[in-house]
PDB file of all heavy atoms in Angstrom:
ATOM      1  N   VAL A   1     -54.989-104.444-226.904  1.00  0.00           N
ATOM      2  CA  VAL A   1     -55.343-105.572-227.772  1.00  0.00           C
ATOM      3  C   VAL A   1     -56.523-106.329-227.169  1.00  0.00           C
ATOM      4  O   VAL A   1     -56.839-106.205-225.984  1.00  0.00           O
ATOM      5  CB  VAL A   1     -54.156-106.531-227.981  1.00  0.00           C
ATOM      6  CG1 VAL A   1     -52.982-105.800-228.614  1.00  0.00           C
ATOM      7  CG2 VAL A   1     -53.724-107.181-226.671  1.00  0.00           C
ATOM      8  N   VAL A   2     -57.143-107.165-228.009  1.00  0.00           N
ATOM      9  CA  VAL A   2     -58.364-107.848-227.574  1.00  0.00           C
ATOM     10  C   VAL A   2     -58.107-109.108-226.766  1.00  0.00           C
ATOM     11  O   VAL A   2     -59.006-109.589-226.085  1.00  0.00           O
ATOM     12  CB  VAL A   2     -59.249-108.204-228.785  1.00  0.00           C
ATOM     13  CG1 VAL A   2     -59.769-106.968-229.461  1.00  0.00           C
ATOM     14  CG2 VAL A   2     -58.495-109.093-229.771  1.00  0.00           C
ATOM     15  N   GLY A   3     -56.946-109.695-226.830  1.00  0.00           N
ATOM     16  CA  GLY A   3     -56.736-110.932-226.092  1.00  0.00           C
ATOM     17  C   GLY A   3     -55.301-111.412-226.178  1.00  0.00           C
ATOM     18  O   GLY A   3     -54.450-110.791-226.839  1.00  0.00           O
ATOM     19  N   PRO A   4     -54.990-112.545-225.542  1.00  0.00           N
ATOM     20  CA  PRO A   4     -53.607-113.020-225.461  1.00  0.00           C
ATOM     21  C   PRO A   4     -53.006-113.408-226.806  1.00  0.00           C
ATOM     22  O   PRO A   4     -51.803-113.270-227.000  1.00  0.00           O
ATOM     23  CB  PRO A   4     -53.694-114.228-224.521  1.00  0.00           C
ATOM     24  CG  PRO A   4     -55.145-114.620-224.509  1.00  0.00           C
ATOM     25  CD  PRO A   4     -55.913-113.372-224.733  1.00  0.00           C
ATOM     26  N   ALA A   5     -53.814-113.898-227.756  1.00  0.00           N
ATOM     27  CA  ALA A   5     -53.261-114.267-229.057  1.00  0.00           C
ATOM     28  C   ALA A   5     -52.737-113.034-229.790  1.00  0.00           C
ATOM     29  O   ALA A   5     -51.673-113.083-230.422  1.00  0.00           O
ATOM     30  CB  ALA A   5     -54.312-114.972-229.901  1.00  0.00           C
ATOM     31  N   THR A   6     -53.460-111.934-229.692  1.00  0.00           N
ATOM     32  CA  THR A   6     -53.007-110.701-230.322  1.00  0.00           C
ATOM     33  C   THR A   6     -51.771-110.161-229.609  1.00  0.00           C
ATOM     34  O   THR A   6     -50.846-109.647-230.246  1.00  0.00           O
ATOM     35  CB  THR A   6     -54.133-109.659-230.316  1.00  0.00           C
ATOM     36  OG1 THR A   6     -55.331-110.248-230.821  1.00  0.00           O
ATOM     37  CG2 THR A   6     -53.775-108.471-231.186  1.00  0.00           C
ATOM     38  N   ALA A   7     -51.745-110.303-228.293  1.00  0.00           N
ATOM     39  CA  ALA A   7     -50.555-109.868-227.539  1.00  0.00           C
ATOM     40  C   ALA A   7     -49.337-110.699-227.921  1.00  0.00           C
ATOM     41  O   ALA A   7     -48.222-110.162-228.060  1.00  0.00           O
ATOM     42  CB  ALA A   7     -50.831-109.980-226.044  1.00  0.00           C
ATOM     43  N   ARG A   8     -49.522-112.005-228.120  1.00  0.00           N
ATOM     44  CA  ARG A   8     -48.400-112.861-228.544  1.00  0.00           C
ATOM     45  C   ARG A   8     -47.902-112.443-229.925  1.00  0.00           C
ATOM     46  O   ARG A   8     -46.692-112.436-230.184  1.00  0.00           O
ATOM     47  CB  ARG A   8     -48.831-114.323-228.562  1.00  0.00           C
ATOM     48  CG  ARG A   8     -48.946-114.964-227.191  1.00  0.00           C
ATOM     49  CD  ARG A   8     -48.994-116.477-227.289  1.00  0.00           C
ATOM     50  NE  ARG A   8     -50.162-116.933-228.035  1.00  0.00           N
ATOM     51  CZ  ARG A   8     -51.357-117.158-227.487  1.00  0.00           C
ATOM     52  NH1 ARG A   8     -51.541-116.958-226.197  1.00  0.00           N
ATOM     53  NH2 ARG A   8     -52.360-117.598-228.229  1.00  0.00           N
ATOM     54  N   ALA A   9     -48.828-112.120-230.824  1.00  0.00           N
ATOM     55  CA  ALA A   9     -48.423-111.677-232.159  1.00  0.00           C
ATOM     56  C   ALA A   9     -47.570-110.413-232.073  1.00  0.00           C
ATOM     57  O   ALA A   9     -46.572-110.274-232.787  1.00  0.00           O
ATOM     58  CB  ALA A   9     -49.656-111.442-233.027  1.00  0.00           C
ATOM     59  N   LEU A  10     -47.941-109.486-231.214  1.00  0.00           N
ATOM     60  CA  LEU A  10     -47.157-108.263-231.037  1.00  0.00           C
ATOM     61  C   LEU A  10     -45.719-108.568-230.625  1.00  0.00           C
ATOM     62  O   LEU A  10     -44.769-107.946-231.111  1.00  0.00           O
ATOM     63  CB  LEU A  10     -47.796-107.387-229.967  1.00  0.00           C
ATOM     64  CG  LEU A  10     -48.867-106.379-230.347  1.00  0.00           C
ATOM     65  CD1 LEU A  10     -49.339-105.653-229.105  1.00  0.00           C
ATOM     66  CD2 LEU A  10     -48.354-105.381-231.378  1.00  0.00           C
ATOM     67  N   ARG A  11     -45.562-109.518-229.717  1.00  0.00           N
ATOM     68  CA  ARG A  11     -44.227-109.816-229.197  1.00  0.00           C
ATOM     69  C   ARG A  11     -43.291-110.331-230.278  1.00  0.00           C
ATOM     70  O   ARG A  11     -42.062-110.178-230.161  1.00  0.00           O
ATOM     71  CB  ARG A  11     -44.324-110.799-228.029  1.00  0.00           C
ATOM     72  CG  ARG A  11     -44.949-110.186-226.782  1.00  0.00           C
ATOM     73  CD  ARG A  11     -44.695-111.040-225.557  1.00  0.00           C
ATOM     74  NE  ARG A  11     -45.419-112.298-225.591  1.00  0.00           N
ATOM     75  CZ  ARG A  11     -46.655-112.473-225.142  1.00  0.00           C
ATOM     76  NH1 ARG A  11     -47.315-111.459-224.606  1.00  0.00           N
ATOM     77  NH2 ARG A  11     -47.241-113.658-225.203  1.00  0.00           N
ATOM     78  N   THR A  12     -43.832-110.942-231.336  1.00  0.00           N
ATOM     79  CA  THR A  12     -42.962-111.425-232.409  1.00  0.00           C
ATOM     80  C   THR A  12     -42.288-110.269-233.154  1.00  0.00           C
ATOM     81  O   THR A  12     -41.298-110.486-233.848  1.00  0.00           O
ATOM     82  CB  THR A  12     -43.744-112.291-233.415  1.00  0.00           C
ATOM     83  OG1 THR A  12     -44.704-111.481-234.098  1.00  0.00           O
ATOM     84  CG2 THR A  12     -44.445-113.442-232.724  1.00  0.00           C
ATOM     85  N   TYR A  13     -42.808-109.061-232.991  1.00  0.00           N
ATOM     86  CA  TYR A  13     -42.218-107.883-233.622  1.00  0.00           C
ATOM     87  C   TYR A  13     -41.523-106.973-232.605  1.00  0.00           C
ATOM     88  O   TYR A  13     -41.157-105.835-232.920  1.00  0.00           O
ATOM     89  CB  TYR A  13     -43.294-107.095-234.377  1.00  0.00           C
ATOM     90  CG  TYR A  13     -43.959-107.919-235.451  1.00  0.00           C
ATOM     91  CD1 TYR A  13     -45.172-108.556-235.199  1.00  0.00           C
ATOM     92  CD2 TYR A  13     -43.354-108.090-236.688  1.00  0.00           C
ATOM     93  CE1 TYR A  13     -45.775-109.336-236.180  1.00  0.00           C
ATOM     94  CE2 TYR A  13     -43.950-108.868-237.672  1.00  0.00           C
ATOM     95  CZ  TYR A  13     -45.159-109.492-237.413  1.00  0.00           C
ATOM     96  OH  TYR A  13     -45.758-110.287-238.376  1.00  0.00           O
ATOM     97  N   GLY A  14     -41.352-107.470-231.399  1.00  0.00           N
ATOM     98  CA  GLY A  14     -40.653-106.710-230.377  1.00  0.00           C
ATOM     99  C   GLY A  14     -41.494-105.674-229.666  1.00  0.00           C
ATOM    100  O   GLY A  14     -40.956-104.836-228.946  1.00  0.00           O
ATOM    101  N   TRP A  15     -42.809-105.705-229.855  1.00  0.00           N
ATOM    102  CA  TRP A  15     -43.717-104.783-229.174  1.00  0.00           C
ATOM    103  C   TRP A  15     -44.452-105.512-228.058  1.00  0.00           C
ATOM    104  O   TRP A  15     -44.705-106.717-228.145  1.00  0.00           O
ATOM    105  CB  TRP A  15     -44.728-104.197-230.159  1.00  0.00           C
ATOM    106  CG  TRP A  15     -44.178-103.101-231.022  1.00  0.00           C
ATOM    107  CD1 TRP A  15     -42.883-102.677-231.098  1.00  0.00           C
ATOM    108  CD2 TRP A  15     -44.915-102.293-231.951  1.00  0.00           C
ATOM    109  NE1 TRP A  15     -42.762-101.657-232.006  1.00  0.00           N
ATOM    110  CE2 TRP A  15     -43.987-101.396-232.545  1.00  0.00           C
ATOM    111  CE3 TRP A  15     -46.249-102.242-232.324  1.00  0.00           C
ATOM    112  CZ2 TRP A  15     -44.372-100.459-233.500  1.00  0.00           C
ATOM    113  CZ3 TRP A  15     -46.639-101.302-233.281  1.00  0.00           C
ATOM    114  CH2 TRP A  15     -45.706-100.421-233.864  1.00  0.00           C
ATOM    115  N   GLN A  16     -44.815-104.770-227.022  1.00  0.00           N
ATOM    116  CA  GLN A  16     -45.539-105.325-225.889  1.00  0.00           C
ATOM    117  C   GLN A  16     -46.892-104.636-225.748  1.00  0.00           C
ATOM    118  O   GLN A  16     -46.982-103.406-225.885  1.00  0.00           O
ATOM    119  CB  GLN A  16     -44.742-105.133-224.585  1.00  0.00           C
ATOM    120  CG  GLN A  16     -43.440-105.919-224.523  1.00  0.00           C
ATOM    121  CD  GLN A  16     -43.662-107.403-224.334  1.00  0.00           C
ATOM    122  OE1 GLN A  16     -44.654-107.823-223.767  1.00  0.00           O
ATOM    123  NE2 GLN A  16     -42.722-108.206-224.811  1.00  0.00           N
ATOM    124  N   ALA A  17     -47.909-105.410-225.465  1.00  0.00           N
ATOM    125  CA  ALA A  17     -49.226-104.832-225.211  1.00  0.00           C
ATOM    126  C   ALA A  17     -49.242-104.175-223.833  1.00  0.00           C
ATOM    127  O   ALA A  17     -48.801-104.768-222.846  1.00  0.00           O
ATOM    128  CB  ALA A  17     -50.298-105.902-225.289  1.00  0.00           C
ATOM    129  N   THR A  18     -49.733-102.949-223.781  1.00  0.00           N
ATOM    130  CA  THR A  18     -49.917-102.244-222.516  1.00  0.00           C
ATOM    131  C   THR A  18     -51.190-102.703-221.826  1.00  0.00           C
ATOM    132  O   THR A  18     -51.242-102.816-220.599  1.00  0.00           O
ATOM    133  CB  THR A  18     -50.008-100.724-222.762  1.00  0.00           C
ATOM    134  OG1 THR A  18     -48.914-100.313-223.579  1.00  0.00           O
ATOM    135  CG2 THR A  18     -50.002 -99.950-221.460  1.00  0.00           C
ATOM    136  N   LEU A  19     -52.208-103.008-222.621  1.00  0.00           N
ATOM    137  CA  LEU A  19     -53.526-103.376-222.111  1.00  0.00           C
ATOM    138  C   LEU A  19     -54.044-104.565-222.906  1.00  0.00           C
ATOM    139  O   LEU A  19     -54.127-104.506-224.133  1.00  0.00           O
ATOM    140  CB  LEU A  19     -54.494-102.192-222.249  1.00  0.00           C
ATOM    141  CG  LEU A  19     -55.953-102.443-221.868  1.00  0.00           C
ATOM    142  CD1 LEU A  19     -56.068-102.704-220.371  1.00  0.00           C
ATOM    143  CD2 LEU A  19     -56.819-101.259-222.274  1.00  0.00           C
ATOM    144  N   VAL A  20     -54.378-105.663-222.201  1.00  0.00           N
ATOM    145  CA  VAL A  20     -54.980-106.842-222.821  1.00  0.00           C
ATOM    146  C   VAL A  20     -56.369-107.010-222.219  1.00  0.00           C
ATOM    147  O   VAL A  20     -56.504-107.256-221.016  1.00  0.00           O
ATOM    148  CB  VAL A  20     -54.134-108.116-222.581  1.00  0.00           C
ATOM    149  CG1 VAL A  20     -54.777-109.316-223.269  1.00  0.00           C
ATOM    150  CG2 VAL A  20     -52.706-107.904-223.075  1.00  0.00           C
ATOM    151  N   ALA A  21     -57.391-106.858-223.045  1.00  0.00           N
ATOM    152  CA  ALA A  21     -58.756-106.947-222.525  1.00  0.00           C
ATOM    153  C   ALA A  21     -59.018-108.337-221.961  1.00  0.00           C
ATOM    154  O   ALA A  21     -58.717-109.346-222.603  1.00  0.00           O
ATOM    155  CB  ALA A  21     -59.754-106.640-223.637  1.00  0.00           C
ATOM    156  N   SER A  22     -59.571-108.401-220.765  1.00  0.00           N
ATOM    157  CA  SER A  22     -59.868-109.692-220.144  1.00  0.00           C
ATOM    158  C   SER A  22     -60.972-110.419-220.888  1.00  0.00           C
ATOM    159  O   SER A  22     -61.011-111.650-220.917  1.00  0.00           O
ATOM    160  CB  SER A  22     -60.255-109.493-218.675  1.00  0.00           C
ATOM    161  OG  SER A  22     -61.373-108.626-218.568  1.00  0.00           O
ATOM    162  N   GLN A  23     -61.896-109.664-221.482  1.00  0.00           N
ATOM    163  CA  GLN A  23     -62.900-110.245-222.372  1.00  0.00           C
ATOM    164  C   GLN A  23     -62.373-110.095-223.791  1.00  0.00           C
ATOM    165  O   GLN A  23     -62.277-108.975-224.300  1.00  0.00           O
ATOM    166  CB  GLN A  23     -64.238-109.538-222.222  1.00  0.00           C
ATOM    167  CG  GLN A  23     -64.825-109.628-220.824  1.00  0.00           C
ATOM    168  CD  GLN A  23     -66.145-108.888-220.740  1.00  0.00           C
ATOM    169  OE1 GLN A  23     -67.120-109.258-221.392  1.00  0.00           O
ATOM    170  NE2 GLN A  23     -66.180-107.825-219.954  1.00  0.00           N
ATOM    171  N   ALA A  24     -62.025-111.215-224.402  1.00  0.00           N
ATOM    172  CA  ALA A  24     -61.270-111.182-225.648  1.00  0.00           C
ATOM    173  C   ALA A  24     -62.160-110.920-226.861  1.00  0.00           C
ATOM    174  O   ALA A  24     -62.311-111.755-227.750  1.00  0.00           O
ATOM    175  CB  ALA A  24     -60.493-112.477-225.824  1.00  0.00           C
ATOM    176  N   HIS A  25     -62.747-109.741-226.892  1.00  0.00           N
ATOM    177  CA  HIS A  25     -63.491-109.297-228.063  1.00  0.00           C
ATOM    178  C   HIS A  25     -63.468-107.769-228.072  1.00  0.00           C
ATOM    179  O   HIS A  25     -63.030-107.130-227.100  1.00  0.00           O
ATOM    180  CB  HIS A  25     -64.918-109.840-228.088  1.00  0.00           C
ATOM    181  CG  HIS A  25     -65.690-109.635-226.825  1.00  0.00           C
ATOM    182  ND1 HIS A  25     -66.238-108.425-226.473  1.00  0.00           N
ATOM    183  CD2 HIS A  25     -65.982-110.489-225.823  1.00  0.00           C
ATOM    184  CE1 HIS A  25     -66.869-108.542-225.312  1.00  0.00           C
ATOM    185  NE2 HIS A  25     -66.719-109.784-224.894  1.00  0.00           N
ATOM    186  N   ALA A  26     -63.925-107.192-229.170  1.00  0.00           N
ATOM    187  CA  ALA A  26     -63.757-105.749-229.365  1.00  0.00           C
ATOM    188  C   ALA A  26     -64.420-104.927-228.273  1.00  0.00           C
ATOM    189  O   ALA A  26     -63.848-103.946-227.779  1.00  0.00           O
ATOM    190  CB  ALA A  26     -64.306-105.359-230.737  1.00  0.00           C
ATOM    191  N   MET A  27     -65.623-105.304-227.857  1.00  0.00           N
ATOM    192  CA  MET A  27     -66.307-104.529-226.835  1.00  0.00           C
ATOM    193  C   MET A  27     -65.638-104.687-225.474  1.00  0.00           C
ATOM    194  O   MET A  27     -65.707-103.791-224.633  1.00  0.00           O
ATOM    195  CB  MET A  27     -67.782-104.918-226.776  1.00  0.00           C
ATOM    196  CG  MET A  27     -68.540-104.564-228.057  1.00  0.00           C
ATOM    197  SD  MET A  27     -68.284-102.850-228.586  1.00  0.00           S
ATOM    198  CE  MET A  27     -69.173-101.976-227.304  1.00  0.00           C
ATOM    199  N   GLY A  28     -64.987-105.825-225.255  1.00  0.00           N
ATOM    200  CA  GLY A  28     -64.206-105.981-224.038  1.00  0.00           C
ATOM    201  C   GLY A  28     -63.042-105.009-223.999  1.00  0.00           C
ATOM    202  O   GLY A  28     -62.694-104.471-222.940  1.00  0.00           O
ATOM    203  N   LEU A  29     -62.444-104.759-225.156  1.00  0.00           N
ATOM    204  CA  LEU A  29     -61.355-103.781-225.221  1.00  0.00           C
ATOM    205  C   LEU A  29     -61.879-102.379-224.963  1.00  0.00           C
ATOM    206  O   LEU A  29     -61.240-101.590-224.246  1.00  0.00           O
ATOM    207  CB  LEU A  29     -60.674-103.860-226.593  1.00  0.00           C
ATOM    208  CG  LEU A  29     -59.533-102.885-226.848  1.00  0.00           C
ATOM    209  CD1 LEU A  29     -58.442-103.006-225.791  1.00  0.00           C
ATOM    210  CD2 LEU A  29     -58.956-103.105-228.246  1.00  0.00           C
ATOM    211  N   LEU A  30     -63.033-102.053-225.512  1.00  0.00           N
ATOM    212  CA  LEU A  30     -63.615-100.725-225.279  1.00  0.00           C
ATOM    213  C   LEU A  30     -63.850-100.502-223.789  1.00  0.00           C
ATOM    214  O   LEU A  30     -63.524 -99.433-223.243  1.00  0.00           O
ATOM    215  CB  LEU A  30     -64.926-100.591-226.054  1.00  0.00           C
ATOM    216  CG  LEU A  30     -65.647 -99.246-225.920  1.00  0.00           C
ATOM    217  CD1 LEU A  30     -64.809 -98.118-226.483  1.00  0.00           C
ATOM    218  CD2 LEU A  30     -67.011 -99.309-226.618  1.00  0.00           C
ATOM    219  N   GLU A  31     -64.376-101.499-223.121  1.00  0.00           N
ATOM    220  CA  GLU A  31     -64.630-101.374-221.682  1.00  0.00           C
ATOM    221  C   GLU A  31     -63.329-101.228-220.905  1.00  0.00           C
ATOM    222  O   GLU A  31     -63.230-100.430-219.963  1.00  0.00           O
ATOM    223  CB  GLU A  31     -65.407-102.591-221.188  1.00  0.00           C
ATOM    224  CG  GLU A  31     -65.745-102.547-219.720  1.00  0.00           C
ATOM    225  CD  GLU A  31     -66.551-103.762-219.279  1.00  0.00           C
ATOM    226  OE1 GLU A  31     -67.111-104.461-220.143  1.00  0.00           O
ATOM    227  OE2 GLU A  31     -66.603-104.023-218.053  1.00  0.00           O
ATOM    228  N   ALA A  32     -62.303-101.998-221.302  1.00  0.00           N
ATOM    229  CA  ALA A  32     -61.032-101.965-220.584  1.00  0.00           C
ATOM    230  C   ALA A  32     -60.323-100.616-220.736  1.00  0.00           C
ATOM    231  O   ALA A  32     -59.592-100.191-219.843  1.00  0.00           O
ATOM    232  CB  ALA A  32     -60.121-103.089-221.079  1.00  0.00           C
ATOM    233  N   LEU A  33     -60.549 -99.938-221.842  1.00  0.00           N
ATOM    234  CA  LEU A  33     -59.881 -98.652-222.068  1.00  0.00           C
ATOM    235  C   LEU A  33     -60.349 -97.573-221.104  1.00  0.00           C
ATOM    236  O   LEU A  33     -59.588 -96.673-220.752  1.00  0.00           O
ATOM    237  CB  LEU A  33     -60.130 -98.182-223.511  1.00  0.00           C
ATOM    238  CG  LEU A  33     -59.347 -98.894-224.601  1.00  0.00           C
ATOM    239  CD1 LEU A  33     -59.912 -98.538-225.967  1.00  0.00           C
ATOM    240  CD2 LEU A  33     -57.869 -98.539-224.527  1.00  0.00           C
ATOM    241  N   GLY A  34     -61.598 -97.646-220.676  1.00  0.00           N
ATOM    242  CA  GLY A  34     -62.123 -96.600-219.801  1.00  0.00           C
ATOM    243  C   GLY A  34     -62.395 -95.327-220.591  1.00  0.00           C
ATOM    244  O   GLY A  34     -62.584 -95.348-221.807  1.00  0.00           O
ATOM    245  N   PRO A  35     -62.409 -94.181-219.923  1.00  0.00           N
ATOM    246  CA  PRO A  35     -62.719 -92.918-220.616  1.00  0.00           C
ATOM    247  C   PRO A  35     -61.711 -92.613-221.723  1.00  0.00           C
ATOM    248  O   PRO A  35     -60.506 -92.715-221.523  1.00  0.00           O
ATOM    249  CB  PRO A  35     -62.640 -91.880-219.495  1.00  0.00           C
ATOM    250  CG  PRO A  35     -62.855 -92.655-218.229  1.00  0.00           C
ATOM    251  CD  PRO A  35     -62.235 -93.995-218.470  1.00  0.00           C
ATOM    252  N   VAL A  36     -62.231 -92.216-222.883  1.00  0.00           N
ATOM    253  CA  VAL A  36     -61.355 -91.921-224.016  1.00  0.00           C
ATOM    254  C   VAL A  36     -61.595 -90.515-224.579  1.00  0.00           C
ATOM    255  O   VAL A  36     -61.015 -90.153-225.609  1.00  0.00           O
ATOM    256  CB  VAL A  36     -61.551 -92.962-225.143  1.00  0.00           C
ATOM    257  CG1 VAL A  36     -61.066 -94.332-224.702  1.00  0.00           C
ATOM    258  CG2 VAL A  36     -63.010 -93.012-225.601  1.00  0.00           C
ATOM    259  N   ALA A  37     -62.410 -89.722-223.930  1.00  0.00           N
ATOM    260  CA  ALA A  37     -62.747 -88.390-224.447  1.00  0.00           C
ATOM    261  C   ALA A  37     -61.484 -87.561-224.675  1.00  0.00           C
ATOM    262  O   ALA A  37     -60.638 -87.433-223.780  1.00  0.00           O
ATOM    263  CB  ALA A  37     -63.675 -87.662-223.476  1.00  0.00           C
ATOM    264  N   GLY A  38     -61.332 -87.066-225.879  1.00  0.00           N
ATOM    265  CA  GLY A  38     -60.208 -86.204-226.218  1.00  0.00           C
ATOM    266  C   GLY A  38     -58.917 -86.919-226.530  1.00  0.00           C
ATOM    267  O   GLY A  38     -57.923 -86.269-226.866  1.00  0.00           O
ATOM    268  N   LEU A  39     -58.901 -88.265-226.440  1.00  0.00           N
ATOM    269  CA  LEU A  39     -57.671 -89.007-226.692  1.00  0.00           C
ATOM    270  C   LEU A  39     -57.547 -89.345-228.176  1.00  0.00           C
ATOM    271  O   LEU A  39     -58.520 -89.741-228.826  1.00  0.00           O
ATOM    272  CB  LEU A  39     -57.644 -90.298-225.864  1.00  0.00           C
ATOM    273  CG  LEU A  39     -57.729 -90.143-224.344  1.00  0.00           C
ATOM    274  CD1 LEU A  39     -57.592 -91.504-223.675  1.00  0.00           C
ATOM    275  CD2 LEU A  39     -56.652 -89.196-223.843  1.00  0.00           C
ATOM    276  N   SER A  40     -56.337 -89.224-228.688  1.00  0.00           N
ATOM    277  CA  SER A  40     -56.058 -89.604-230.067  1.00  0.00           C
ATOM    278  C   SER A  40     -55.820 -91.111-230.134  1.00  0.00           C
ATOM    279  O   SER A  40     -54.907 -91.634-229.479  1.00  0.00           O
ATOM    280  CB  SER A  40     -54.828 -88.848-230.575  1.00  0.00           C
ATOM    281  OG  SER A  40     -54.562 -89.167-231.916  1.00  0.00           O
ATOM    282  N   VAL A  41     -56.655 -91.813-230.906  1.00  0.00           N
ATOM    283  CA  VAL A  41     -56.639 -93.284-230.939  1.00  0.00           C
ATOM    284  C   VAL A  41     -56.521 -93.747-232.385  1.00  0.00           C
ATOM    285  O   VAL A  41     -57.225 -93.263-233.279  1.00  0.00           O
ATOM    286  CB  VAL A  41     -57.929 -93.859-230.319  1.00  0.00           C
ATOM    287  CG1 VAL A  41     -57.927 -95.388-230.413  1.00  0.00           C
ATOM    288  CG2 VAL A  41     -58.067 -93.410-228.862  1.00  0.00           C
ATOM    289  N   LEU A  42     -55.623 -94.710-232.616  1.00  0.00           N
ATOM    290  CA  LEU A  42     -55.465 -95.337-233.923  1.00  0.00           C
ATOM    291  C   LEU A  42     -55.905 -96.795-233.803  1.00  0.00           C
ATOM    292  O   LEU A  42     -55.323 -97.558-233.031  1.00  0.00           O
ATOM    293  CB  LEU A  42     -54.013 -95.253-234.384  1.00  0.00           C
ATOM    294  CG  LEU A  42     -53.663 -95.946-235.708  1.00  0.00           C
ATOM    295  CD1 LEU A  42     -54.463 -95.371-236.873  1.00  0.00           C
ATOM    296  CD2 LEU A  42     -52.161 -95.839-235.980  1.00  0.00           C
ATOM    297  N   LEU A  43     -56.922 -97.160-234.557  1.00  0.00           N
ATOM    298  CA  LEU A  43     -57.489 -98.510-234.519  1.00  0.00           C
ATOM    299  C   LEU A  43     -57.100 -99.246-235.792  1.00  0.00           C
ATOM    300  O   LEU A  43     -57.399 -98.789-236.897  1.00  0.00           O
ATOM    301  CB  LEU A  43     -59.012 -98.427-234.382  1.00  0.00           C
ATOM    302  CG  LEU A  43     -59.815 -99.723-234.528  1.00  0.00           C
ATOM    303  CD1 LEU A  43     -59.402-100.742-233.477  1.00  0.00           C
ATOM    304  CD2 LEU A  43     -61.305 -99.420-234.457  1.00  0.00           C
ATOM    305  N   VAL A  44     -56.436-100.396-235.641  1.00  0.00           N
ATOM    306  CA  VAL A  44     -55.975-101.188-236.776  1.00  0.00           C
ATOM    307  C   VAL A  44     -56.796-102.472-236.833  1.00  0.00           C
ATOM    308  O   VAL A  44     -56.839-103.234-235.856  1.00  0.00           O
ATOM    309  CB  VAL A  44     -54.472-101.511-236.642  1.00  0.00           C
ATOM    310  CG1 VAL A  44     -53.998-102.355-237.821  1.00  0.00           C
ATOM    311  CG2 VAL A  44     -53.656-100.231-236.546  1.00  0.00           C
ATOM    312  N   GLN A  45     -57.440-102.728-237.984  1.00  0.00           N
ATOM    313  CA  GLN A  45     -58.315-103.891-238.090  1.00  0.00           C
ATOM    314  C   GLN A  45     -58.497-104.277-239.556  1.00  0.00           C
ATOM    315  O   GLN A  45     -57.849-103.739-240.445  1.00  0.00           O
ATOM    316  CB  GLN A  45     -59.668-103.595-237.451  1.00  0.00           C
ATOM    317  CG  GLN A  45     -60.373-102.378-238.024  1.00  0.00           C
ATOM    318  CD  GLN A  45     -61.635-102.017-237.270  1.00  0.00           C
ATOM    319  OE1 GLN A  45     -61.880-102.487-236.164  1.00  0.00           O
ATOM    320  NE2 GLN A  45     -62.463-101.181-237.873  1.00  0.00           N
TER     321      GLN A  45
END
């Protein structure tokens, strides 16, 4: 997720964020993910 507000929203449904980008914007999340080659990714927006 992009930041703590999105992580809090997840918790209301019983889900936990594995990764919270320290820079709370989309490109911060891309950087936090690291290498993604060959990984199956579902982006919800």
